[in-house]
Protein backbone atom coordinates (compact mmCIF):
# COMPACT_ATOMS: atom_id res chain seq x y z
CA MET A 1 0.19 0.03 0.05
CA VAL A 2 2.88 2.35 1.32
CA PHE A 3 4.60 1.45 -2.45
CA SER A 4 1.42 2.11 -4.77
CA THR A 5 1.03 5.79 -3.06
CA SER A 6 4.83 6.45 -3.38
CA CYS A 7 4.09 5.28 -6.99
CA GLY A 8 0.95 7.79 -7.41
CA ILE A 9 2.84 10.25 -5.92
CA LYS A 10 5.75 10.03 -8.13
CA LYS A 11 3.51 10.06 -11.14
CA SER A 12 1.81 12.96 -9.99
CA VAL A 13 4.63 14.82 -9.89
CA ASN A 14 6.40 13.80 -13.15
CA HIS A 15 3.05 13.97 -15.01
CA LEU A 16 3.09 16.54 -17.95
CA PRO A 17 0.32 17.41 -20.06
CA ASP A 18 0.17 16.02 -23.98
CA LEU A 19 1.25 19.05 -25.97
CA GLN A 20 1.73 17.59 -29.46
CA ASN A 21 -1.51 18.94 -31.14
CA TYR A 22 -0.93 22.80 -30.04
CA ASN A 23 1.21 24.60 -32.80
CA VAL A 24 2.51 27.46 -30.28
CA GLU A 25 4.79 30.65 -30.76
CA ILE A 26 7.12 31.74 -27.94
CA PRO A 27 5.68 35.39 -27.50
CA ASN A 28 7.99 38.28 -27.46
CA VAL A 29 6.43 41.05 -25.36
CA THR A 30 6.73 44.51 -26.07
CA LEU A 31 6.47 47.19 -23.09
CA ILE A 32 4.51 50.39 -23.93
CA ASN A 33 4.94 52.11 -20.83
CA ASP A 34 5.28 50.75 -17.02
CA SER A 35 1.78 49.22 -16.83
CA THR A 36 1.11 48.17 -20.49
CA TYR A 37 2.65 45.00 -22.30
CA ARG A 38 1.61 43.88 -25.55
CA TYR A 39 2.31 40.87 -27.91
CA LYS A 40 -0.05 40.86 -31.07
CA ASN A 41 -3.40 41.07 -30.23
CA ASN A 42 -2.73 40.36 -26.84
CA TYR A 43 -1.87 43.15 -23.99
CA LEU A 44 -2.00 43.64 -20.28
CA THR A 45 -2.32 47.02 -18.73
CA LYS A 46 -3.51 48.95 -15.63
CA ASN A 47 -6.83 51.42 -15.94
CA LYS A 48 -6.87 54.38 -13.93
CA GLN A 49 -9.08 52.31 -11.27
CA GLN A 50 -5.94 50.48 -10.83
CA LEU A 51 -7.70 47.60 -12.27
CA TRP A 52 -5.28 45.08 -14.44
CA GLU A 53 -6.68 44.53 -17.73
CA LEU A 54 -5.68 41.26 -19.78
CA TYR A 55 -6.60 40.17 -23.10
CA ILE A 56 -5.47 37.01 -24.52
CA GLU A 57 -6.65 34.75 -27.49
CA GLY A 58 -5.01 31.04 -28.82
CA ASN A 59 -5.55 27.71 -28.32
CA PRO A 60 -5.10 26.47 -24.52
CA LEU A 61 -1.37 26.28 -24.84
CA GLN A 62 -1.16 29.85 -26.28
CA LEU A 63 -3.22 31.28 -24.21
CA GLY A 64 -0.96 29.75 -21.42
CA TYR A 65 2.12 31.48 -22.82
CA ASN A 66 0.51 34.58 -23.56
CA ASN A 67 -0.77 35.08 -20.22
CA GLY A 68 2.31 34.56 -18.44
CA ALA A 69 4.34 36.45 -20.58
CA LEU A 70 2.74 39.30 -20.33
CA SER A 71 2.02 39.14 -16.80
CA GLN A 72 5.09 37.35 -15.29
CA LYS A 73 5.93 39.89 -13.07
CA LEU A 74 2.72 39.86 -11.27
CA MET A 75 2.32 36.42 -11.21
CA GLN A 76 5.71 35.51 -9.70
CA ASN A 77 4.76 37.84 -7.30
CA GLN A 78 1.34 36.59 -6.57
CA GLU A 79 3.04 33.25 -6.00
CA LYS A 80 5.26 35.08 -3.21
CA ILE A 81 2.21 36.84 -1.21
CA PHE A 82 0.52 33.19 -1.07
CA PHE A 83 3.57 31.41 -0.14
CA SER A 84 4.95 33.86 2.11
CA LYS A 85 1.28 33.77 3.93
CA VAL A 86 1.88 29.91 4.06
CA GLU A 87 5.01 30.44 5.89
CA ASN A 88 3.29 32.69 8.39
CA LEU A 89 0.64 30.15 9.01
CA VAL A 90 3.30 27.28 9.40
CA PRO A 91 6.36 28.80 10.72
CA SER A 92 8.07 25.78 11.60
CA PRO A 93 10.55 24.43 8.83
CA PHE A 94 9.90 20.76 10.07
CA ASN A 95 6.21 21.21 9.34
CA GLN A 96 6.62 23.03 6.45
CA LYS A 97 8.26 19.77 5.00
CA ILE A 98 5.20 17.80 6.21
CA LEU A 99 3.06 20.19 4.66
CA ARG A 100 4.57 19.94 1.05
CA GLY A 101 4.89 16.23 1.42
CA PHE A 102 1.21 16.32 2.14
CA LEU A 103 0.46 18.47 -0.66
CA LYS A 104 2.21 15.54 -3.12
CA TRP A 105 0.09 13.38 -1.36
CA TYR A 106 -3.15 15.18 -1.87
CA ASN A 107 -2.82 15.93 -5.21
CA ARG A 108 -1.81 13.15 -6.47
CA LYS A 109 -4.49 12.46 -8.49
CA MET A 110 -5.56 15.67 -9.59
CA TYR A 111 -4.37 15.70 -12.61
CA VAL A 112 -6.67 12.86 -13.80
CA HIS A 113 -9.59 14.68 -13.29
CA ILE A 114 -8.49 18.27 -15.00
CA ARG A 115 -9.28 18.66 -18.56
CA GLU A 116 -6.14 17.95 -21.13
CA GLU A 117 -6.64 21.91 -22.90
CA ASP A 118 -6.83 23.00 -18.93
CA GLN A 119 -3.67 21.16 -18.03
CA ALA A 120 -1.61 22.75 -21.74
CA GLU A 121 -2.68 26.14 -20.62
CA ILE A 122 -1.72 25.85 -16.93
CA PHE A 123 1.75 24.36 -18.48
CA GLY A 124 1.62 27.45 -20.79
CA LEU A 125 1.59 29.79 -17.50
CA SER A 126 3.79 27.76 -15.60
CA GLN A 127 6.87 28.54 -17.56
CA TYR A 128 6.70 31.69 -16.38
CA SER A 129 6.65 31.22 -12.88
CA SER A 130 9.66 31.63 -10.71
CA HIS A 131 12.06 28.74 -9.68
CA GLN A 132 11.98 29.97 -6.05
CA TYR A 133 9.47 27.35 -4.98
CA ASP A 134 10.74 24.64 -6.95
CA PHE A 135 11.06 22.87 -3.56
CA VAL A 136 7.18 22.84 -3.17
CA ALA A 137 6.88 21.11 -6.94
CA PRO A 138 8.02 21.92 -9.86
CA ARG A 139 6.38 24.31 -12.01
CA PHE A 140 3.60 23.30 -13.72
CA GLN A 141 2.76 20.79 -10.68
CA ARG A 142 2.63 23.74 -8.41
CA ASN A 143 0.68 26.02 -10.56
CA MET A 144 -1.86 23.13 -10.60
CA TYR A 145 -1.74 22.47 -6.82
CA LEU A 146 -2.54 26.86 -7.03
CA HIS A 147 -5.84 26.09 -8.66
CA GLY A 148 -7.22 24.00 -6.09
CA ALA A 149 -5.67 26.06 -3.03
CA HIS A 150 -8.87 28.39 -3.33
CA ASP A 151 -11.12 25.08 -2.86
CA ILE A 152 -8.69 23.84 0.23
CA GLY A 153 -9.47 27.92 1.17
CA HIS A 154 -13.19 26.99 1.06
CA ALA A 155 -13.29 24.12 2.58
CA MET A 156 -11.36 25.70 5.86
CA GLN A 157 -13.89 28.11 6.90
CA ASP A 158 -12.75 28.02 10.31
CA LEU A 159 -9.57 29.99 9.16
CA ALA A 160 -12.53 32.86 8.21
CA MET A 161 -11.00 32.86 4.25
CA VAL A 162 -13.92 32.81 2.67
CA GLY A 163 -18.05 34.33 3.37
CA CYS A 164 -19.31 34.87 0.00
CA SER A 165 -22.54 36.38 -0.70
CA SER A 166 -24.70 36.44 -4.07
CA LEU A 167 -27.81 37.57 -5.50
CA ALA A 168 -30.20 37.37 -8.68
CA VAL A 169 -33.40 39.50 -9.34
CA TRP A 170 -35.23 40.09 -12.59
CA GLY A 171 -39.30 40.78 -13.57
CA GLU A 172 -40.72 42.72 -11.16
CA TYR A 173 -37.85 43.56 -9.01
CA THR A 174 -35.43 45.37 -11.66
CA GLU A 175 -36.28 48.66 -13.05
CA ASP A 176 -36.41 47.14 -16.57
CA GLY A 177 -37.41 43.91 -16.09
CA GLU A 178 -33.93 42.10 -17.10
CA LEU A 179 -31.62 40.09 -15.00
CA LEU A 180 -29.15 41.82 -12.43
CA ILE A 181 -26.78 39.57 -10.54
CA GLY A 182 -24.38 40.67 -7.69
CA ARG A 183 -22.09 39.05 -5.66
CA ASN A 184 -19.03 39.58 -2.92
CA PHE A 185 -16.29 37.27 -3.25
CA ASP A 186 -14.97 37.22 -0.25
CA PHE A 187 -11.87 35.01 -0.31
CA TYR A 188 -9.50 36.69 1.68
CA VAL A 189 -5.68 35.79 1.95
CA GLY A 190 -4.41 39.34 3.01
CA ASP A 191 -3.95 42.43 1.57
CA GLU A 192 -1.26 42.21 -0.71
CA PHE A 193 -3.00 39.28 -2.38
CA ALA A 194 -5.99 40.94 -3.37
CA LYS A 195 -4.09 44.53 -4.43
CA ASN A 196 -3.84 43.29 -7.95
CA LYS A 197 -7.18 42.32 -9.23
CA VAL A 198 -7.45 41.16 -13.05
CA VAL A 199 -10.01 41.31 -15.53
CA SER A 200 -9.51 38.68 -17.76
CA LEU A 201 -10.73 38.83 -21.44
CA VAL A 202 -10.17 35.13 -23.01
CA LYS A 203 -10.88 34.54 -26.28
CA PRO A 204 -10.31 30.84 -26.93
CA GLU A 205 -9.58 29.53 -30.64
CA VAL A 206 -12.68 26.94 -29.89
CA GLY A 207 -15.18 27.93 -27.32
CA ILE A 208 -16.90 31.30 -26.37
CA PRO A 209 -15.20 34.35 -24.79
CA TYR A 210 -15.61 35.65 -21.72
CA LEU A 211 -14.67 37.66 -19.18
CA ALA A 212 -13.40 36.60 -15.63
CA ILE A 213 -12.25 38.44 -12.29
CA SER A 214 -9.24 36.71 -10.40
CA TRP A 215 -5.89 37.07 -9.48
CA PRO A 216 -2.69 37.12 -11.49
CA GLY A 217 -1.48 32.92 -12.30
CA MET A 218 -5.03 32.20 -12.32
CA VAL A 219 -6.67 30.21 -15.41
CA GLY A 220 -9.85 29.30 -13.44
CA VAL A 221 -12.83 31.13 -12.76
CA VAL A 222 -14.77 32.29 -9.86
CA SER A 223 -16.51 35.29 -11.11
CA GLY A 224 -17.08 35.61 -14.64
CA MET A 225 -19.95 36.12 -18.07
CA ASN A 226 -19.39 34.79 -21.36
CA LYS A 227 -20.02 36.83 -24.66
CA GLU A 228 -23.50 34.79 -24.33
CA GLY A 229 -24.65 36.59 -21.70
CA LEU A 230 -24.06 33.21 -19.22
CA THR A 231 -22.62 34.02 -15.93
CA VAL A 232 -21.41 32.02 -13.10
CA THR A 233 -20.45 32.68 -9.22
CA ILE A 234 -19.09 30.22 -6.92
CA ASN A 235 -19.64 30.60 -3.13
CA ALA A 236 -18.53 27.69 -0.67
CA GLY A 237 -20.59 25.07 1.23
CA LYS A 238 -19.95 22.31 3.40
CA SER A 239 -19.14 18.62 3.40
CA LYS A 240 -16.76 16.07 4.04
CA ILE A 241 -13.47 16.26 2.01
CA PRO A 242 -12.00 13.50 0.49
CA LEU A 243 -8.61 11.96 0.78
CA ALA A 244 -7.52 13.43 -2.94
CA ALA A 245 -7.77 16.42 -5.11
CA LYS A 246 -10.12 16.00 -7.95
CA THR A 247 -11.16 19.03 -10.12
CA PRO A 248 -10.80 22.28 -8.45
CA ILE A 249 -14.51 24.24 -9.16
CA SER A 250 -12.72 27.33 -11.03
CA LEU A 251 -11.84 25.30 -13.56
CA VAL A 252 -15.35 23.36 -13.50
CA THR A 253 -16.52 27.71 -13.63
CA ARG A 254 -14.05 28.00 -16.51
CA GLU A 255 -15.28 25.47 -18.59
CA ILE A 256 -19.08 26.30 -18.45
CA LEU A 257 -18.14 29.64 -19.35
CA GLU A 258 -16.23 28.50 -22.57
CA ASN A 259 -18.80 25.96 -23.56
CA ALA A 260 -22.57 26.93 -22.23
CA LYS A 261 -25.12 29.14 -24.02
CA ASN A 262 -28.02 28.07 -21.35
CA ILE A 263 -28.62 26.81 -17.92
CA LYS A 264 -28.90 23.13 -19.02
CA GLU A 265 -25.97 23.15 -20.58
CA ALA A 266 -24.29 24.53 -17.77
CA ILE A 267 -25.94 21.32 -15.29
CA ILE A 268 -24.53 19.20 -17.94
CA ILE A 269 -21.16 19.99 -17.64
CA ALA A 270 -20.81 20.65 -13.88
CA LYS A 271 -22.65 17.47 -13.26
CA LYS A 272 -20.09 15.18 -15.31
CA ARG A 273 -16.85 16.34 -13.40
CA LYS A 274 -15.69 15.36 -9.88
CA VAL A 275 -15.06 17.86 -7.31
CA PHE A 276 -13.25 17.67 -4.11
CA VAL A 277 -15.14 20.38 -2.00
CA SER A 278 -18.89 21.58 -2.11
CA GLU A 279 -19.60 24.84 -3.79
CA SER A 280 -23.09 26.78 -4.89
CA ILE A 281 -22.67 28.02 -8.44
CA MET A 282 -25.17 30.90 -9.28
CA VAL A 283 -25.52 30.32 -12.98
CA GLY A 284 -26.87 33.13 -14.78
CA SER A 285 -27.92 33.35 -18.18
CA ALA A 286 -29.32 35.91 -20.86
CA LEU A 287 -31.07 33.47 -22.80
CA ASP A 288 -33.03 32.04 -20.29
CA LYS A 289 -33.73 35.55 -18.14
CA LYS A 290 -33.07 33.57 -14.74
CA ALA A 291 -30.25 32.50 -12.38
CA VAL A 292 -30.12 28.99 -10.99
CA LEU A 293 -27.96 27.39 -8.37
CA ILE A 294 -25.83 24.12 -9.14
CA GLU A 295 -24.88 22.82 -5.45
CA ILE A 296 -22.27 20.58 -6.09
CA SER A 297 -20.43 18.33 -3.89
CA PRO A 298 -18.01 15.59 -4.02
CA LYS A 299 -20.68 12.90 -3.37
CA ASN A 300 -24.22 14.75 -4.58
CA THR A 301 -25.16 17.36 -6.99
CA GLY A 302 -28.16 19.26 -6.97
CA VAL A 303 -30.29 21.94 -8.34
CA TYR A 304 -32.12 24.68 -6.97
CA GLU A 305 -34.37 27.23 -8.65
CA VAL A 306 -36.81 29.53 -6.92
CA GLN A 307 -40.82 28.94 -7.75
CA ASN A 308 -43.51 31.44 -8.52
CA SER A 309 -40.61 34.17 -7.54
CA SER A 310 -38.02 36.13 -9.48
CA LYS A 311 -35.41 36.43 -6.96
CA LEU A 312 -32.64 33.91 -5.82
CA PHE A 313 -29.81 34.17 -2.82
CA CYS A 314 -27.12 32.33 -2.05
CA THR A 315 -24.44 32.23 0.80
CA ASN A 316 -22.82 29.57 2.32
CA HIS A 317 -25.34 27.01 2.58
CA PHE A 318 -27.45 24.43 0.22
CA GLN A 319 -30.94 25.19 -0.50
CA SER A 320 -31.76 22.07 -2.81
CA ASP A 321 -34.04 19.06 -1.73
CA GLU A 322 -30.34 16.85 -2.37
CA TYR A 323 -29.20 18.47 0.86
CA LYS A 324 -32.04 18.72 2.96
CA ASN A 325 -31.03 16.44 5.27
CA ASP A 326 -27.12 16.71 5.23
CA LYS A 327 -25.79 17.37 8.61
CA ARG A 328 -23.19 19.26 7.75
CA ASN A 329 -25.21 21.76 5.76
CA ASN A 330 -27.61 21.85 8.39
CA LYS A 331 -24.60 22.26 11.11
CA GLN A 332 -23.44 25.27 8.55
CA ILE A 333 -26.90 26.93 8.56
CA ALA A 334 -27.19 26.36 12.41
CA GLU A 335 -23.97 27.72 13.45
CA SER A 336 -21.87 30.12 11.27
CA HIS A 337 -23.34 33.41 9.54
CA SER A 338 -23.99 31.99 6.32
CA GLU A 339 -28.15 31.87 7.12
CA TYR A 340 -28.10 35.72 8.56
CA ARG A 341 -26.45 37.15 5.79
CA PHE A 342 -28.75 35.12 3.67
CA GLU A 343 -31.94 36.84 5.56
CA LYS A 344 -29.70 40.20 4.94
CA LEU A 345 -30.20 39.72 1.71
CA GLN A 346 -33.90 39.15 1.48
CA GLU A 347 -34.09 42.13 3.91
CA LEU A 348 -32.74 44.88 1.44
CA VAL A 349 -34.31 43.58 -1.25
CA ASN A 350 -37.60 44.01 -0.02
CA ALA A 351 -36.65 47.19 1.26
CA ASN A 352 -35.70 48.03 -2.72
CA ASP A 353 -38.73 48.80 -5.18
CA LYS A 354 -37.10 48.18 -8.16
CA LEU A 355 -33.03 47.02 -8.31
CA ASN A 356 -30.95 48.66 -11.02
CA PRO A 357 -26.56 48.59 -11.03
CA GLU A 358 -26.35 51.36 -8.47
CA SER A 359 -28.69 49.93 -6.05
CA MET A 360 -27.23 46.59 -6.53
CA ALA A 361 -23.61 47.90 -5.26
CA LYS A 362 -25.54 49.72 -2.61
CA ILE A 363 -26.61 46.14 -1.34
CA LEU A 364 -22.99 44.72 -2.07
CA ARG A 365 -21.50 47.24 0.21
CA ASP A 366 -23.88 47.25 3.00
CA LYS A 367 -22.03 47.44 6.17
CA SER A 368 -25.02 46.59 8.95
CA GLY A 369 -27.14 43.70 10.55
CA LEU A 370 -30.22 42.89 10.58
CA LYS A 371 -32.96 45.75 11.01
CA GLY A 372 -29.97 48.26 10.04
CA LYS A 373 -28.32 46.84 13.54
CA GLU A 374 -24.42 48.61 14.12
CA ILE A 375 -22.50 44.87 14.70
CA GLY A 376 -19.20 46.58 13.91
CA TYR A 377 -16.67 46.91 10.97
CA GLY A 378 -15.43 43.70 9.87
CA ASN A 379 -18.33 41.59 11.01
CA GLU A 380 -18.74 38.46 8.55
CA LYS A 381 -22.38 38.94 9.52
CA ALA A 382 -22.26 41.73 7.43
CA LEU A 383 -22.61 41.62 3.50
CA ASN A 384 -19.38 43.90 3.62
CA GLN A 385 -16.94 42.37 5.64
CA LEU A 386 -14.77 44.87 4.48
CA LEU A 387 -11.87 42.32 3.22
CA ALA A 388 -13.72 41.25 -0.24
CA HIS A 389 -11.19 40.29 -2.79
CA HIS A 390 -13.48 42.00 -5.27
CA ALA A 391 -17.83 42.81 -6.02
CA VAL A 392 -19.09 42.25 -9.56
CA ILE A 393 -22.31 43.16 -10.96
CA PHE A 394 -23.92 41.57 -14.00
CA SER A 395 -26.20 42.80 -16.35
CA PRO A 396 -26.35 39.59 -18.60
CA GLU A 397 -29.07 40.53 -21.16
CA LYS A 398 -26.82 43.85 -22.19
CA LYS A 399 -23.79 42.12 -21.95
CA LEU A 400 -22.51 44.51 -19.17
CA VAL A 401 -20.32 43.82 -16.34
CA TRP A 402 -19.21 46.16 -13.53
CA VAL A 403 -16.44 45.37 -11.60
CA SER A 404 -15.21 46.73 -8.08
CA SER A 405 -11.59 48.63 -7.66
CA ASN A 406 -10.02 48.63 -4.26
CA PRO A 407 -10.24 48.82 -1.38
CA TYR A 408 -12.54 46.04 -1.03
CA GLN A 409 -15.75 46.71 -2.97
CA LEU A 410 -15.80 50.42 -1.47
CA GLY A 411 -13.87 51.72 -4.98
CA GLU A 412 -15.64 52.82 -8.31
CA PHE A 413 -17.29 49.91 -10.23
CA VAL A 414 -15.71 49.90 -13.90
CA CYS A 415 -17.90 48.52 -16.73
CA TYR A 416 -17.03 46.43 -19.22
CA ASP A 417 -19.43 45.97 -22.92
CA LEU A 418 -18.67 42.51 -23.92
CA ASP A 419 -20.13 43.05 -26.86
CA LYS A 420 -17.90 45.76 -27.69
CA ILE A 421 -14.59 44.18 -26.18
CA PHE A 422 -15.06 41.25 -28.65
CA ALA A 423 -16.12 42.68 -31.64
CA ASN A 424 -12.90 44.64 -31.62
CA ASN A 425 -10.26 43.17 -29.39
CA SER A 426 -9.96 46.10 -27.26
CA ILE A 427 -11.08 47.35 -24.00
CA GLN A 428 -11.63 50.67 -25.53
CA PRO A 429 -10.70 53.14 -22.17
CA ASN A 430 -11.64 55.90 -23.85
CA ASN A 431 -15.14 55.09 -24.55
CA GLN A 432 -17.24 57.63 -23.22
CA GLU A 433 -20.41 55.67 -23.61
CA THR A 434 -19.08 52.66 -21.38
CA THR A 435 -17.27 54.94 -18.95
CA GLN A 436 -20.41 56.81 -17.78
CA LEU A 437 -21.66 53.65 -16.74
CA ASN A 438 -19.01 53.42 -14.09
CA ILE A 439 -20.26 53.20 -10.63
CA ALA A 440 -18.84 55.78 -8.19
CA ARG A 441 -16.79 54.97 -5.32
CA ASP A 442 -18.69 54.35 -1.87
CA PRO A 443 -18.65 57.65 -0.13
CA PHE A 444 -18.21 55.69 3.44
CA LEU A 445 -14.07 55.86 2.16
CA ASP A 446 -14.13 59.78 3.03
CA THR A 447 -15.52 58.83 6.51
CA GLU A 448 -14.03 58.91 9.93
CA GLY A 449 -15.44 55.52 10.43
CA TYR A 450 -13.56 54.10 7.14
CA LYS A 451 -10.12 55.81 8.73
CA ASN A 452 -10.84 54.15 11.83
CA TYR A 453 -11.38 50.86 10.56
CA GLU A 454 -7.79 51.04 8.66
CA GLU A 455 -6.27 51.97 12.09
CA PHE A 456 -8.46 49.24 14.06
CA ARG A 457 -6.83 46.57 11.09
CA VAL A 458 -3.26 47.61 12.15
CA GLN A 459 -3.32 48.04 15.70
CA THR A 460 -5.15 44.76 16.03
CA ALA A 461 -1.81 42.99 15.13
CA ARG A 462 -0.60 43.89 18.22
CA PHE A 463 -2.04 41.72 20.43
CA ASP A 464 -0.55 38.77 18.46
CA GLY A 465 2.74 39.47 20.08
CA GLU A 466 4.00 39.60 23.69
CA GLU A 467 4.19 43.50 23.63
CA VAL A 468 2.70 45.28 26.93
CA LEU A 469 -0.28 47.28 26.15
CA SER A 470 -1.23 50.46 27.98
CA GLU A 471 -4.53 51.11 29.34
CA ASP A 472 -4.84 54.02 27.19
CA PHE A 473 -4.47 52.18 24.39
CA LEU A 474 -6.75 49.73 25.08
CA LYS A 475 -9.41 52.17 24.97
CA GLN A 476 -8.29 54.14 22.18
CA TYR A 477 -8.47 50.78 20.39
CA ILE A 478 -11.99 49.70 21.43
CA ALA A 479 -13.06 53.87 20.52
CA LEU A 480 -11.80 52.42 16.75
CA ASN A 481 -14.97 49.70 16.57
CA PRO A 482 -17.20 50.08 19.38
CA ASN A 483 -19.59 47.88 17.86
CA PHE A 484 -17.64 44.82 17.07
CA TRP A 485 -17.56 41.94 19.32
CA LYS A 486 -14.25 40.72 18.67
CA THR A 487 -12.99 44.28 19.83
CA TYR A 488 -13.57 43.30 23.47
CA TYR A 489 -12.45 39.94 22.36
CA GLU A 490 -9.34 41.15 21.70
CA VAL A 491 -9.04 42.94 24.85
CA GLY A 492 -10.58 40.71 27.19
CA LYS A 493 -8.01 37.63 26.01
CA TYR A 494 -5.02 40.32 26.51
CA HIS A 495 -6.39 41.00 30.19
CA TYR A 496 -6.64 37.50 30.75
CA LEU A 497 -3.01 36.89 29.78
CA GLN A 498 -1.99 39.44 32.18
CA LYS A 499 -3.90 38.15 34.86
CA LYS A 500 -6.30 40.84 35.25
CA TYR A 501 -9.38 38.44 35.70
CA ARG A 502 -11.80 40.89 36.65
CA GLU A 503 -10.96 43.75 33.30
CA ALA A 504 -11.33 40.78 31.32
CA LYS A 505 -14.72 39.27 32.63
CA ALA A 506 -15.81 42.91 32.10
CA ASN A 507 -14.71 42.92 28.06
CA PHE A 508 -15.81 39.32 28.08
CA GLU A 509 -19.29 40.28 29.04
CA LEU A 510 -19.37 42.94 27.15
CA ALA A 511 -18.30 40.98 24.00
CA LEU A 512 -21.48 38.82 24.83
CA THR A 513 -24.28 41.82 24.26
CA LYS A 514 -22.58 42.15 20.70
CA GLU A 515 -23.45 40.39 17.49
CA ILE A 516 -21.07 37.40 17.87
CA THR A 517 -20.13 35.78 14.19
CA THR A 518 -20.87 32.46 14.98
CA LEU A 519 -21.62 29.64 17.30
CA HIS A 520 -18.05 28.69 17.74
CA ASP A 521 -17.32 32.23 18.39
CA ARG A 522 -20.03 32.87 21.26
CA LYS A 523 -18.60 29.22 22.94
CA SER A 524 -14.72 30.18 22.67
CA ILE A 525 -15.97 33.42 25.09
CA GLU A 526 -17.95 31.44 27.21
CA LYS A 527 -14.69 29.51 27.82
CA TYR A 528 -12.62 31.88 28.96
CA LEU A 529 -15.68 33.42 31.21
CA ASN A 530 -15.91 29.87 32.75
CA LYS A 531 -12.30 29.77 33.37
CA ILE A 532 -12.34 32.76 35.24
CA LYS A 533 -15.08 31.92 37.15
CA LYS A 534 -12.85 28.93 38.27
CA LYS A 535 -10.18 30.80 38.81
CA SER A 536 -12.45 33.05 41.03
CA ASN A 537 -13.57 30.03 42.88
CA GLU A 538 -9.87 28.60 43.84
CA ARG A 539 -8.99 31.86 45.78
């Protein structure tokens, strides 16, 4: 058994895709200026909102080469940021070695479940990766691993990496009666990771052209729309993880965008792929004029479609009949912040008469709790948790996409017209007609509250070390974000470690009066209070 596993790992590490059928030209990239690169029709440029815009075309292998050649610096920097994050989470060299061994074992069969064309594209891309991390795995295999990292992050929700929210409305709920979709992608791997957002415009040699929003080096799709007006977004679910990686969910959604014109075709593609985590794929369709959820997990696939309604909500639990008795899904509903955000989506849609892109952006930026309750900035029960990688709004029937710029989903939403882009192989940055559709930055950015929140995030890091903090500092810290339960939790923990149990107790009790994110968090506070009670009884 040990022998066969080792052979499986060795085969995986040595595996390379079959590239014989692809004609490829090594790109000779021209530097136009410090933020614009071009190779034939392909280019990478940064717009004034600081979004990177990438246009690539060709066969799968050529797409990979073009992407890698144009975005090499960004891609290598993104890889450095990711592995630095891993090193911070796992600082011990010995444990890092164990983790590398685990990754090789866990991903040993991934290539079996990934389409040859996707492997070819990832191979082309990987030729521009750095050799700095070859100790983790060779460049091609490492890039394959990185496409599964998003899935592992979704599975490990206790690390607070995810908490996505999405909604679709049509008919009587929109101003023009057309389908309108909004989503927050709350996949958090740090501020540096989210700094360089990439709007990729991909024109495959065979398949449907599409737009996707992600980060440098990402071939898969987490949010996107194709030229036919079919959209995909993904939200994490909860289920048992098998003992081997299979198809990364972002490559399933990539396949859907490249090949599906309607919901039926999207469902067929999703059902034939074996995944290794649970995800809700919201699929919107200009042809069908509605949206559905494909709820996919390692052992089951369900489709949820609203009946007698024109609104669909999605957070981080499943809704289809196939998962009605799923214990993990029911536990997710009961113990996480998913149901709370779901109810908040309902509340905000019901409070709006008719939605348009501007009012959709306002919903995605909402920082309050149910019934407008102030729950503190950064609370995962809010739709806007102030950590989103990006937010996106789709108008499928008009072929329009709005992508948020930094910070979070607070910056200007930049509009893209897919009909114009793929008709001209250009983003046409000077097209005033499209630019006028941009959605203005959130006024919250100019408030004292935003300034205090960013300072709060900086100062929170001081609680991780052994620094002695003054009472004046602790009071100032609380004043930065006074409605957030975690503010008092951090101060309570600090006092507890300093053996100031009376002060710790007071802050933990204050934390309990706030809107606490999860049942696990509440139990953690109560555990500290029980410890203090025991210490008090021992005196």
